[in-house]
Amino acid sequence: MPLYRDFSDDKAQLLIWKYDEQEVLDMDTLLEKENYNKVKEYHPKKIKEVLMVRKMLKQILPNHKILYKDNGEPFLEPQDFNISISHSFPLAAIGISKSKIGLDLELKKEKIKLIRHKFILHENDFIDNKHEVDYLTSIWSVKEALYKIHHSKYWSLKKHYDIQSFLPTEDFTVRARVYDHNFEDYFKVKVRKIDDYYFSVVLE
């Protein structure tokens, strides 16, 4: 599994890897026994994504394993680090930090325009429709990364996640708000364009 990108710094370890057909991804050695029965029923491509993440983890924290809360949120055991994962085949990403971390990896696709109405609200004020797919993909990626550190099953990406104006360049930072009637939190989200993907990372 060749390293695709390494964005690690003193706050987090951030790796993106790319699937190689010659690579050995063995469920028996990589997958936690607690997740085996669930994962074995996945689509073969999704199984590869899951195992790619585990293979990365073994290189970073070989004595840790990924388990899941009842809501599907991943966590590390032992719980001395926080984790966030994302995959969009053939890529998979992992983030490890002492701080709470959220990341998301999204591939640009024209069909995202079909769901614009489901996650865009205030952002309509600054989206340049000549570059609509880039704006929508990067906004979706930012909101998904935020959701991973600040979520509720009752919240929507449209109504409770607000992205301030930005230009989707190769490497940029956006200011974002997570809010409801009772509170609001502000975050800075780092976004990178990697070939046809947008990669967003936020630390609490």
N, C-alpha and C. Protein backbone atom coordinates (compact mmCIF):
# COMPACT_ATOMS: atom_id res chain seq x y z
N MET A 1 0.85 -1.19 0.00
CA MET A 1 0.00 0.00 0.00
C MET A 1 0.88 1.24 0.00
N PRO A 2 1.03 1.92 -1.15
CA PRO A 2 1.94 3.06 -1.23
C PRO A 2 1.38 4.28 -0.53
N LEU A 3 2.25 5.03 0.16
CA LEU A 3 1.86 6.28 0.78
C LEU A 3 1.51 7.27 -0.32
N TYR A 4 0.35 7.89 -0.18
CA TYR A 4 -0.11 8.85 -1.19
C TYR A 4 0.20 10.27 -0.75
N ARG A 5 -0.14 10.60 0.48
CA ARG A 5 0.20 11.90 1.05
C ARG A 5 0.41 11.74 2.56
N ASP A 6 1.30 12.56 3.12
CA ASP A 6 1.53 12.61 4.55
C ASP A 6 1.48 14.09 4.96
N PHE A 7 0.45 14.45 5.72
CA PHE A 7 0.28 15.83 6.17
C PHE A 7 0.47 15.94 7.69
N SER A 8 1.21 15.03 8.27
CA SER A 8 1.40 15.02 9.72
C SER A 8 2.16 16.27 10.18
N ASP A 9 1.80 16.71 11.39
CA ASP A 9 2.52 17.82 12.03
C ASP A 9 2.58 17.55 13.53
N ASP A 10 2.88 18.57 14.32
CA ASP A 10 3.02 18.36 15.76
C ASP A 10 1.68 18.21 16.48
N LYS A 11 0.57 18.41 15.76
CA LYS A 11 -0.76 18.29 16.37
C LYS A 11 -1.47 16.99 16.01
N ALA A 12 -1.14 16.43 14.86
CA ALA A 12 -1.85 15.23 14.41
C ALA A 12 -1.02 14.46 13.38
N GLN A 13 -1.24 13.16 13.36
CA GLN A 13 -0.70 12.33 12.29
C GLN A 13 -1.80 12.15 11.26
N LEU A 14 -1.51 12.55 10.02
CA LEU A 14 -2.50 12.55 8.95
C LEU A 14 -1.91 11.83 7.73
N LEU A 15 -2.46 10.69 7.41
CA LEU A 15 -1.95 9.91 6.29
C LEU A 15 -3.06 9.59 5.30
N ILE A 16 -2.71 9.62 4.03
CA ILE A 16 -3.60 9.15 2.97
C ILE A 16 -2.84 8.09 2.18
N TRP A 17 -3.49 6.96 1.98
CA TRP A 17 -2.88 5.85 1.26
C TRP A 17 -3.72 5.47 0.06
N LYS A 18 -3.08 4.87 -0.91
CA LYS A 18 -3.75 4.51 -2.16
C LYS A 18 -3.66 3.00 -2.38
N TYR A 19 -4.79 2.41 -2.72
CA TYR A 19 -4.84 0.96 -2.91
C TYR A 19 -3.98 0.51 -4.09
N ASP A 20 -3.30 -0.58 -3.88
CA ASP A 20 -2.49 -1.21 -4.92
C ASP A 20 -2.99 -2.64 -5.09
N GLU A 21 -3.28 -3.03 -6.31
CA GLU A 21 -3.81 -4.37 -6.56
C GLU A 21 -2.87 -5.48 -6.11
N GLN A 22 -1.58 -5.18 -6.00
CA GLN A 22 -0.62 -6.17 -5.56
C GLN A 22 -0.55 -6.30 -4.04
N GLU A 23 -1.27 -5.45 -3.38
CA GLU A 23 -1.17 -5.40 -1.92
C GLU A 23 -1.96 -6.51 -1.25
N VAL A 24 -1.43 -7.03 -0.17
CA VAL A 24 -2.09 -8.06 0.62
C VAL A 24 -2.85 -7.39 1.77
N LEU A 25 -4.16 -7.59 1.79
CA LEU A 25 -5.00 -7.06 2.87
C LEU A 25 -5.73 -8.25 3.49
N ASP A 26 -5.17 -8.76 4.55
CA ASP A 26 -5.69 -9.99 5.16
C ASP A 26 -6.62 -9.66 6.33
N MET A 27 -7.89 -10.00 6.20
CA MET A 27 -8.86 -9.72 7.26
C MET A 27 -8.48 -10.38 8.57
N ASP A 28 -7.95 -11.57 8.51
CA ASP A 28 -7.66 -12.33 9.73
C ASP A 28 -6.58 -11.66 10.59
N THR A 29 -5.67 -10.95 9.95
CA THR A 29 -4.60 -10.30 10.72
C THR A 29 -4.86 -8.82 10.96
N LEU A 30 -5.64 -8.16 10.10
CA LEU A 30 -5.83 -6.72 10.21
C LEU A 30 -7.10 -6.32 10.95
N LEU A 31 -8.15 -7.10 10.82
CA LEU A 31 -9.44 -6.69 11.36
C LEU A 31 -9.65 -7.17 12.79
N GLU A 32 -10.18 -6.29 13.62
CA GLU A 32 -10.47 -6.63 15.01
C GLU A 32 -11.57 -7.71 15.05
N LYS A 33 -11.44 -8.61 15.98
CA LYS A 33 -12.43 -9.70 16.07
C LYS A 33 -13.82 -9.15 16.39
N GLU A 34 -13.87 -7.99 17.09
CA GLU A 34 -15.15 -7.39 17.43
C GLU A 34 -15.91 -6.91 16.20
N ASN A 35 -15.19 -6.64 15.10
CA ASN A 35 -15.82 -6.09 13.90
C ASN A 35 -15.94 -7.11 12.76
N TYR A 36 -15.43 -8.30 12.98
CA TYR A 36 -15.29 -9.25 11.88
C TYR A 36 -16.64 -9.61 11.25
N ASN A 37 -17.61 -10.01 12.06
CA ASN A 37 -18.90 -10.46 11.51
C ASN A 37 -19.62 -9.37 10.74
N LYS A 38 -19.46 -8.14 11.18
CA LYS A 38 -20.10 -7.01 10.50
C LYS A 38 -19.41 -6.71 9.17
N VAL A 39 -18.10 -6.61 9.20
CA VAL A 39 -17.35 -6.18 8.02
C VAL A 39 -17.35 -7.24 6.92
N LYS A 40 -17.39 -8.50 7.28
CA LYS A 40 -17.31 -9.56 6.26
C LYS A 40 -18.49 -9.52 5.29
N GLU A 41 -19.57 -8.84 5.67
CA GLU A 41 -20.75 -8.73 4.80
C GLU A 41 -20.70 -7.51 3.89
N TYR A 42 -19.68 -6.68 4.05
CA TYR A 42 -19.56 -5.48 3.23
C TYR A 42 -19.26 -5.82 1.77
N HIS A 43 -19.48 -4.85 0.90
CA HIS A 43 -19.05 -4.94 -0.49
C HIS A 43 -17.52 -5.08 -0.52
N PRO A 44 -16.98 -5.89 -1.44
CA PRO A 44 -15.52 -6.10 -1.48
C PRO A 44 -14.69 -4.81 -1.50
N LYS A 45 -15.17 -3.80 -2.19
CA LYS A 45 -14.42 -2.53 -2.24
C LYS A 45 -14.41 -1.87 -0.86
N LYS A 46 -15.54 -1.92 -0.17
CA LYS A 46 -15.59 -1.32 1.16
C LYS A 46 -14.73 -2.10 2.15
N ILE A 47 -14.66 -3.41 2.00
CA ILE A 47 -13.78 -4.21 2.85
C ILE A 47 -12.33 -3.76 2.67
N LYS A 48 -11.93 -3.52 1.44
CA LYS A 48 -10.57 -3.05 1.18
C LYS A 48 -10.32 -1.72 1.87
N GLU A 49 -11.29 -0.81 1.83
CA GLU A 49 -11.13 0.48 2.49
C GLU A 49 -10.93 0.31 3.99
N VAL A 50 -11.75 -0.55 4.59
CA VAL A 50 -11.65 -0.81 6.03
C VAL A 50 -10.27 -1.36 6.38
N LEU A 51 -9.79 -2.29 5.58
CA LEU A 51 -8.51 -2.93 5.87
C LEU A 51 -7.34 -1.98 5.61
N MET A 52 -7.47 -1.09 4.63
CA MET A 52 -6.43 -0.09 4.40
C MET A 52 -6.25 0.79 5.63
N VAL A 53 -7.36 1.19 6.23
CA VAL A 53 -7.29 2.02 7.44
C VAL A 53 -6.59 1.25 8.55
N ARG A 54 -6.93 -0.02 8.72
CA ARG A 54 -6.29 -0.82 9.77
C ARG A 54 -4.79 -0.98 9.52
N LYS A 55 -4.42 -1.12 8.27
CA LYS A 55 -3.01 -1.28 7.96
C LYS A 55 -2.23 0.00 8.30
N MET A 56 -2.85 1.14 8.04
CA MET A 56 -2.21 2.41 8.43
C MET A 56 -2.08 2.50 9.94
N LEU A 57 -3.15 2.15 10.65
CA LEU A 57 -3.11 2.23 12.11
C LEU A 57 -1.99 1.39 12.68
N LYS A 58 -1.78 0.21 12.12
CA LYS A 58 -0.73 -0.67 12.64
C LYS A 58 0.66 -0.05 12.46
N GLN A 59 0.80 0.82 11.48
CA GLN A 59 2.09 1.48 11.30
C GLN A 59 2.27 2.64 12.28
N ILE A 60 1.14 3.27 12.68
CA ILE A 60 1.21 4.41 13.58
C ILE A 60 1.16 3.96 15.04
N LEU A 61 0.14 3.18 15.36
CA LEU A 61 -0.08 2.70 16.73
C LEU A 61 -0.35 1.20 16.67
N PRO A 62 0.69 0.39 16.60
CA PRO A 62 0.52 -1.06 16.38
C PRO A 62 -0.21 -1.79 17.50
N ASN A 63 -0.30 -1.20 18.68
CA ASN A 63 -0.95 -1.88 19.80
C ASN A 63 -2.37 -1.39 20.05
N HIS A 64 -2.90 -0.59 19.13
CA HIS A 64 -4.25 -0.08 19.26
C HIS A 64 -5.19 -0.78 18.27
N LYS A 65 -6.48 -0.70 18.55
CA LYS A 65 -7.48 -1.21 17.61
C LYS A 65 -8.65 -0.24 17.52
N ILE A 66 -9.39 -0.32 16.42
CA ILE A 66 -10.54 0.54 16.18
C ILE A 66 -11.82 -0.20 16.57
N LEU A 67 -12.58 0.41 17.46
CA LEU A 67 -13.89 -0.10 17.83
C LEU A 67 -14.93 0.98 17.52
N TYR A 68 -16.20 0.66 17.71
CA TYR A 68 -17.27 1.59 17.33
C TYR A 68 -18.27 1.75 18.46
N LYS A 69 -18.70 2.99 18.65
CA LYS A 69 -19.78 3.28 19.58
C LYS A 69 -21.11 2.84 18.96
N ASP A 70 -22.18 2.88 19.75
CA ASP A 70 -23.49 2.47 19.26
C ASP A 70 -23.96 3.31 18.08
N ASN A 71 -23.50 4.58 18.01
CA ASN A 71 -23.90 5.45 16.91
C ASN A 71 -23.00 5.30 15.68
N GLY A 72 -22.06 4.35 15.73
CA GLY A 72 -21.17 4.11 14.60
C GLY A 72 -19.89 4.91 14.62
N GLU A 73 -19.71 5.77 15.61
CA GLU A 73 -18.50 6.58 15.69
C GLU A 73 -17.31 5.73 16.10
N PRO A 74 -16.19 5.80 15.35
CA PRO A 74 -15.02 4.99 15.70
C PRO A 74 -14.25 5.59 16.87
N PHE A 75 -13.63 4.72 17.66
CA PHE A 75 -12.73 5.19 18.71
C PHE A 75 -11.60 4.17 18.85
N LEU A 76 -10.53 4.62 19.48
CA LEU A 76 -9.36 3.76 19.66
C LEU A 76 -9.39 3.09 21.02
N GLU A 77 -8.91 1.89 21.05
CA GLU A 77 -8.70 1.15 22.29
C GLU A 77 -7.25 0.69 22.30
N PRO A 78 -6.42 1.15 23.28
CA PRO A 78 -6.73 2.03 24.40
C PRO A 78 -7.13 3.44 23.94
N GLN A 79 -7.83 4.16 24.81
CA GLN A 79 -8.41 5.45 24.46
C GLN A 79 -7.50 6.62 24.84
N ASP A 80 -6.24 6.54 24.47
CA ASP A 80 -5.29 7.61 24.78
C ASP A 80 -5.08 8.55 23.60
N PHE A 81 -5.67 8.23 22.46
CA PHE A 81 -5.65 9.10 21.29
C PHE A 81 -7.06 9.14 20.69
N ASN A 82 -7.31 10.21 19.91
CA ASN A 82 -8.55 10.31 19.14
C ASN A 82 -8.27 9.94 17.69
N ILE A 83 -9.30 9.45 17.02
CA ILE A 83 -9.14 9.01 15.64
C ILE A 83 -10.27 9.53 14.76
N SER A 84 -9.95 9.79 13.52
CA SER A 84 -10.97 10.03 12.50
C SER A 84 -10.52 9.33 11.23
N ILE A 85 -11.46 8.76 10.50
CA ILE A 85 -11.13 8.04 9.28
C ILE A 85 -12.07 8.45 8.15
N SER A 86 -11.60 8.29 6.94
CA SER A 86 -12.44 8.55 5.76
C SER A 86 -11.87 7.74 4.62
N HIS A 87 -12.75 7.32 3.72
CA HIS A 87 -12.26 6.61 2.54
C HIS A 87 -13.14 6.88 1.33
N SER A 88 -12.50 6.97 0.20
CA SER A 88 -13.15 7.14 -1.09
C SER A 88 -12.28 6.38 -2.08
N PHE A 89 -12.61 5.13 -2.29
CA PHE A 89 -11.76 4.20 -3.03
C PHE A 89 -11.29 4.81 -4.35
N PRO A 90 -9.99 4.71 -4.63
CA PRO A 90 -8.97 3.85 -4.02
C PRO A 90 -8.18 4.48 -2.88
N LEU A 91 -8.67 5.59 -2.33
CA LEU A 91 -7.94 6.26 -1.25
C LEU A 91 -8.59 6.00 0.10
N ALA A 92 -7.77 6.03 1.14
CA ALA A 92 -8.25 5.97 2.52
C ALA A 92 -7.39 6.90 3.34
N ALA A 93 -8.02 7.56 4.34
CA ALA A 93 -7.31 8.53 5.17
C ALA A 93 -7.53 8.22 6.64
N ILE A 94 -6.52 8.55 7.44
CA ILE A 94 -6.61 8.36 8.88
C ILE A 94 -5.98 9.56 9.56
N GLY A 95 -6.61 9.99 10.66
CA GLY A 95 -6.07 11.06 11.48
C GLY A 95 -6.01 10.61 12.93
N ILE A 96 -4.88 10.81 13.57
CA ILE A 96 -4.67 10.44 14.97
C ILE A 96 -4.17 11.67 15.71
N SER A 97 -4.81 12.00 16.85
CA SER A 97 -4.40 13.19 17.59
C SER A 97 -4.80 13.06 19.05
N LYS A 98 -4.09 13.80 19.91
CA LYS A 98 -4.51 13.91 21.30
C LYS A 98 -5.78 14.75 21.41
N SER A 99 -5.97 15.68 20.47
CA SER A 99 -7.19 16.47 20.42
C SER A 99 -8.27 15.71 19.64
N LYS A 100 -9.52 16.11 19.84
CA LYS A 100 -10.58 15.52 19.04
C LYS A 100 -10.39 15.97 17.60
N ILE A 101 -10.54 15.06 16.66
CA ILE A 101 -10.21 15.33 15.26
C ILE A 101 -11.32 14.84 14.33
N GLY A 102 -11.55 15.60 13.28
CA GLY A 102 -12.48 15.16 12.24
C GLY A 102 -11.85 15.38 10.89
N LEU A 103 -11.97 14.39 10.01
CA LEU A 103 -11.46 14.56 8.65
C LEU A 103 -12.41 13.93 7.64
N ASP A 104 -12.31 14.42 6.42
CA ASP A 104 -13.16 13.87 5.36
C ASP A 104 -12.45 14.00 4.03
N LEU A 105 -12.59 12.97 3.22
CA LEU A 105 -11.98 12.88 1.90
C LEU A 105 -13.11 12.70 0.89
N GLU A 106 -13.24 13.66 -0.04
CA GLU A 106 -14.35 13.62 -1.01
C GLU A 106 -13.84 13.74 -2.44
N LEU A 107 -14.34 12.88 -3.30
CA LEU A 107 -14.01 12.91 -4.73
C LEU A 107 -14.98 13.84 -5.45
N LYS A 108 -14.45 14.69 -6.32
CA LYS A 108 -15.31 15.57 -7.12
C LYS A 108 -16.17 14.75 -8.08
N LYS A 109 -17.48 14.98 -8.02
CA LYS A 109 -18.41 14.32 -8.93
C LYS A 109 -19.50 15.31 -9.31
N GLU A 110 -19.85 15.32 -10.57
CA GLU A 110 -20.89 16.22 -11.05
C GLU A 110 -22.22 16.00 -10.34
N LYS A 111 -22.49 14.78 -9.94
CA LYS A 111 -23.79 14.48 -9.35
C LYS A 111 -24.02 15.14 -8.01
N ILE A 112 -22.98 15.74 -7.41
CA ILE A 112 -23.19 16.44 -6.15
C ILE A 112 -24.14 17.62 -6.33
N LYS A 113 -24.24 18.12 -7.58
CA LYS A 113 -25.15 19.23 -7.84
C LYS A 113 -26.60 18.84 -7.60
N LEU A 114 -26.88 17.54 -7.71
CA LEU A 114 -28.26 17.07 -7.52
C LEU A 114 -28.71 17.13 -6.07
N ILE A 115 -27.74 17.18 -5.14
CA ILE A 115 -28.12 17.23 -3.72
C ILE A 115 -27.73 18.56 -3.08
N ARG A 116 -27.43 19.55 -3.91
CA ARG A 116 -27.05 20.87 -3.39
C ARG A 116 -28.07 21.38 -2.36
N HIS A 117 -29.32 21.21 -2.66
CA HIS A 117 -30.39 21.73 -1.79
C HIS A 117 -30.41 21.08 -0.42
N LYS A 118 -29.74 19.94 -0.26
CA LYS A 118 -29.78 19.22 1.00
C LYS A 118 -28.75 19.69 2.03
N PHE A 119 -27.70 20.40 1.57
CA PHE A 119 -26.67 20.80 2.53
C PHE A 119 -26.17 22.23 2.36
N ILE A 120 -26.73 22.98 1.40
CA ILE A 120 -26.32 24.36 1.17
C ILE A 120 -27.43 25.31 1.60
N LEU A 121 -27.06 26.32 2.41
CA LEU A 121 -28.01 27.35 2.80
C LEU A 121 -27.35 28.72 2.65
N HIS A 122 -26.66 29.19 3.68
CA HIS A 122 -26.02 30.50 3.61
C HIS A 122 -24.91 30.54 2.55
N GLU A 123 -24.35 29.39 2.24
CA GLU A 123 -23.24 29.33 1.27
C GLU A 123 -23.67 29.73 -0.13
N ASN A 124 -24.98 29.75 -0.39
CA ASN A 124 -25.46 30.21 -1.70
C ASN A 124 -25.03 31.63 -2.01
N ASP A 125 -24.73 32.40 -0.96
CA ASP A 125 -24.36 33.81 -1.15
C ASP A 125 -23.00 33.98 -1.83
N PHE A 126 -22.13 32.98 -1.74
CA PHE A 126 -20.79 33.17 -2.31
C PHE A 126 -20.37 32.09 -3.31
N ILE A 127 -21.15 31.06 -3.50
CA ILE A 127 -20.77 30.01 -4.46
C ILE A 127 -20.78 30.56 -5.88
N ASP A 128 -19.68 30.39 -6.56
CA ASP A 128 -19.55 30.76 -7.97
C ASP A 128 -19.97 29.56 -8.80
N ASN A 129 -21.08 29.67 -9.48
CA ASN A 129 -21.63 28.52 -10.19
C ASN A 129 -20.78 28.08 -11.39
N LYS A 130 -19.82 28.92 -11.80
CA LYS A 130 -18.89 28.47 -12.85
C LYS A 130 -17.96 27.39 -12.31
N HIS A 131 -17.80 27.36 -11.00
CA HIS A 131 -16.97 26.35 -10.34
C HIS A 131 -17.80 25.61 -9.29
N GLU A 132 -19.03 25.34 -9.65
CA GLU A 132 -19.99 24.81 -8.69
C GLU A 132 -19.53 23.51 -8.04
N VAL A 133 -19.01 22.59 -8.83
CA VAL A 133 -18.65 21.28 -8.30
C VAL A 133 -17.52 21.40 -7.28
N ASP A 134 -16.55 22.27 -7.55
CA ASP A 134 -15.46 22.48 -6.59
C ASP A 134 -16.00 23.07 -5.28
N TYR A 135 -16.85 24.05 -5.38
CA TYR A 135 -17.42 24.64 -4.17
C TYR A 135 -18.24 23.61 -3.39
N LEU A 136 -19.12 22.92 -4.08
CA LEU A 136 -20.00 21.98 -3.38
C LEU A 136 -19.21 20.84 -2.75
N THR A 137 -18.22 20.32 -3.47
CA THR A 137 -17.43 19.20 -2.93
C THR A 137 -16.64 19.63 -1.71
N SER A 138 -16.02 20.79 -1.78
CA SER A 138 -15.22 21.24 -0.64
C SER A 138 -16.12 21.59 0.55
N ILE A 139 -17.28 22.18 0.33
CA ILE A 139 -18.20 22.48 1.43
C ILE A 139 -18.72 21.21 2.06
N TRP A 140 -19.08 20.24 1.25
CA TRP A 140 -19.54 18.95 1.78
C TRP A 140 -18.44 18.32 2.63
N SER A 141 -17.22 18.35 2.14
CA SER A 141 -16.09 17.76 2.86
C SER A 141 -15.88 18.46 4.20
N VAL A 142 -15.93 19.79 4.22
CA VAL A 142 -15.76 20.55 5.45
C VAL A 142 -16.86 20.20 6.46
N LYS A 143 -18.09 20.17 6.00
CA LYS A 143 -19.20 19.89 6.92
C LYS A 143 -19.15 18.46 7.45
N GLU A 144 -18.72 17.53 6.62
CA GLU A 144 -18.58 16.15 7.09
C GLU A 144 -17.47 16.04 8.14
N ALA A 145 -16.36 16.74 7.93
CA ALA A 145 -15.28 16.73 8.92
C ALA A 145 -15.77 17.33 10.24
N LEU A 146 -16.52 18.41 10.18
CA LEU A 146 -17.07 19.03 11.38
C LEU A 146 -18.05 18.10 12.08
N TYR A 147 -18.86 17.41 11.30
CA TYR A 147 -19.85 16.50 11.88
C TYR A 147 -19.19 15.43 12.73
N LYS A 148 -18.00 15.04 12.32
CA LYS A 148 -17.33 13.95 13.03
C LYS A 148 -16.82 14.35 14.41
N ILE A 149 -16.69 15.65 14.67
CA ILE A 149 -16.28 16.05 16.01
C ILE A 149 -17.40 16.76 16.77
N HIS A 150 -18.49 17.07 16.09
CA HIS A 150 -19.52 17.90 16.72
C HIS A 150 -20.87 17.53 16.12
N HIS A 151 -21.38 16.37 16.47
CA HIS A 151 -22.57 15.91 15.75
C HIS A 151 -23.72 15.52 16.68
N SER A 152 -24.85 15.43 16.09
CA SER A 152 -26.06 14.93 16.74
C SER A 152 -26.92 14.35 15.65
N LYS A 153 -27.60 13.27 15.93
CA LYS A 153 -28.44 12.64 14.91
C LYS A 153 -29.60 13.54 14.49
N TYR A 154 -29.85 14.60 15.28
CA TYR A 154 -30.96 15.49 14.96
C TYR A 154 -30.53 16.68 14.12
N TRP A 155 -29.23 16.86 13.92
CA TRP A 155 -28.74 18.01 13.19
C TRP A 155 -28.63 17.71 11.71
N SER A 156 -28.72 18.76 10.90
CA SER A 156 -28.54 18.61 9.46
C SER A 156 -27.35 19.44 9.01
N LEU A 157 -26.66 18.98 7.98
CA LEU A 157 -25.53 19.72 7.44
C LEU A 157 -25.97 21.06 6.86
N LYS A 158 -27.24 21.16 6.49
CA LYS A 158 -27.75 22.40 5.91
C LYS A 158 -28.08 23.44 6.98
N LYS A 159 -28.73 23.02 8.05
CA LYS A 159 -29.29 23.96 9.02
C LYS A 159 -28.37 24.27 10.19
N HIS A 160 -27.39 23.42 10.47
CA HIS A 160 -26.59 23.61 11.68
C HIS A 160 -25.09 23.72 11.43
N TYR A 161 -24.69 23.78 10.16
CA TYR A 161 -23.28 23.91 9.80
C TYR A 161 -23.19 25.03 8.75
N ASP A 162 -22.44 26.07 9.08
CA ASP A 162 -22.39 27.29 8.29
C ASP A 162 -20.94 27.58 7.91
N ILE A 163 -20.65 27.65 6.61
CA ILE A 163 -19.30 27.88 6.12
C ILE A 163 -19.19 29.31 5.62
N GLN A 164 -18.16 30.04 6.06
CA GLN A 164 -17.95 31.40 5.58
C GLN A 164 -17.28 31.39 4.21
N SER A 165 -17.36 32.54 3.54
CA SER A 165 -16.88 32.68 2.17
C SER A 165 -15.42 32.28 2.01
N PHE A 166 -15.10 31.61 0.90
CA PHE A 166 -13.74 31.17 0.60
C PHE A 166 -13.60 30.96 -0.89
N LEU A 167 -12.35 30.75 -1.32
CA LEU A 167 -12.06 30.38 -2.70
C LEU A 167 -11.45 28.99 -2.68
N PRO A 168 -11.99 28.04 -3.46
CA PRO A 168 -11.47 26.66 -3.45
C PRO A 168 -10.17 26.54 -4.25
N THR A 169 -9.05 26.88 -3.61
CA THR A 169 -7.75 26.78 -4.25
C THR A 169 -7.12 25.44 -3.89
N GLU A 170 -5.81 25.32 -4.07
CA GLU A 170 -5.14 24.05 -3.79
C GLU A 170 -4.99 23.78 -2.30
N ASP A 171 -4.90 24.85 -1.51
CA ASP A 171 -4.59 24.70 -0.09
C ASP A 171 -5.16 25.93 0.62
N PHE A 172 -6.19 25.75 1.43
CA PHE A 172 -6.84 26.90 2.04
C PHE A 172 -7.47 26.53 3.38
N THR A 173 -7.83 27.57 4.13
CA THR A 173 -8.49 27.39 5.42
C THR A 173 -9.83 28.10 5.40
N VAL A 174 -10.86 27.45 5.93
CA VAL A 174 -12.18 28.08 5.99
C VAL A 174 -12.60 28.21 7.45
N ARG A 175 -13.37 29.24 7.71
CA ARG A 175 -13.95 29.43 9.04
C ARG A 175 -15.38 28.89 9.00
N ALA A 176 -15.74 28.14 10.00
CA ALA A 176 -17.04 27.48 9.99
C ALA A 176 -17.71 27.60 11.35
N ARG A 177 -19.03 27.54 11.33
CA ARG A 177 -19.82 27.63 12.56
C ARG A 177 -20.72 26.40 12.68
N VAL A 178 -20.78 25.85 13.89
CA VAL A 178 -21.72 24.79 14.22
C VAL A 178 -22.66 25.39 15.26
N TYR A 179 -23.98 25.31 15.04
CA TYR A 179 -24.88 26.07 15.90
C TYR A 179 -26.29 25.47 15.93
N ASP A 180 -27.02 25.84 16.97
CA ASP A 180 -28.46 25.63 17.02
C ASP A 180 -29.05 26.79 17.81
N HIS A 181 -30.24 26.65 18.33
CA HIS A 181 -30.89 27.77 19.02
C HIS A 181 -30.23 28.09 20.35
N ASN A 182 -29.46 27.18 20.89
CA ASN A 182 -28.91 27.35 22.23
C ASN A 182 -27.42 27.67 22.29
N PHE A 183 -26.68 27.42 21.22
CA PHE A 183 -25.24 27.64 21.28
C PHE A 183 -24.66 27.77 19.87
N GLU A 184 -23.39 28.20 19.82
CA GLU A 184 -22.65 28.19 18.56
C GLU A 184 -21.17 28.02 18.87
N ASP A 185 -20.48 27.30 18.03
CA ASP A 185 -19.04 27.07 18.11
C ASP A 185 -18.41 27.42 16.78
N TYR A 186 -17.22 27.98 16.82
CA TYR A 186 -16.50 28.33 15.60
C TYR A 186 -15.24 27.48 15.46
N PHE A 187 -14.93 27.13 14.23
CA PHE A 187 -13.78 26.30 13.94
C PHE A 187 -13.07 26.81 12.70
N LYS A 188 -11.77 26.50 12.63
CA LYS A 188 -11.01 26.69 11.40
C LYS A 188 -10.72 25.32 10.82
N VAL A 189 -11.06 25.14 9.57
CA VAL A 189 -10.91 23.84 8.90
C VAL A 189 -9.89 23.98 7.78
N LYS A 190 -8.88 23.11 7.82
CA LYS A 190 -7.85 23.09 6.78
C LYS A 190 -8.32 22.21 5.63
N VAL A 191 -8.26 22.75 4.42
CA VAL A 191 -8.73 22.02 3.23
C VAL A 191 -7.61 21.98 2.19
N ARG A 192 -7.41 20.80 1.63
CA ARG A 192 -6.43 20.63 0.57
C ARG A 192 -7.08 19.95 -0.63
N LYS A 193 -6.74 20.44 -1.82
CA LYS A 193 -7.19 19.80 -3.05
C LYS A 193 -6.09 18.86 -3.51
N ILE A 194 -6.41 17.58 -3.61
CA ILE A 194 -5.43 16.56 -3.98
C ILE A 194 -5.96 15.86 -5.23
N ASP A 195 -5.40 16.21 -6.38
CA ASP A 195 -5.92 15.70 -7.65
C ASP A 195 -7.41 16.04 -7.74
N ASP A 196 -8.28 15.04 -7.80
CA ASP A 196 -9.71 15.31 -7.90
C ASP A 196 -10.43 15.15 -6.56
N TYR A 197 -9.69 15.21 -5.47
CA TYR A 197 -10.27 15.05 -4.14
C TYR A 197 -10.11 16.35 -3.34
N TYR A 198 -11.04 16.53 -2.40
CA TYR A 198 -10.88 17.55 -1.36
C TYR A 198 -10.74 16.84 -0.03
N PHE A 199 -9.73 17.27 0.74
CA PHE A 199 -9.40 16.65 2.01
C PHE A 199 -9.48 17.71 3.10
N SER A 200 -10.41 17.53 4.05
CA SER A 200 -10.65 18.52 5.09
C SER A 200 -10.28 17.95 6.46
N VAL A 201 -9.65 18.78 7.29
CA VAL A 201 -9.23 18.35 8.63
C VAL A 201 -9.56 19.47 9.61
N VAL A 202 -10.17 19.09 10.75
CA VAL A 202 -10.46 20.04 11.81
C VAL A 202 -10.09 19.43 13.15
N LEU A 203 -9.47 20.25 14.00
CA LEU A 203 -9.12 19.82 15.36
C LEU A 203 -9.92 20.67 16.34
N GLU A 204 -10.41 20.03 17.39
CA GLU A 204 -11.20 20.75 18.39
C GLU A 204 -10.29 21.55 19.31
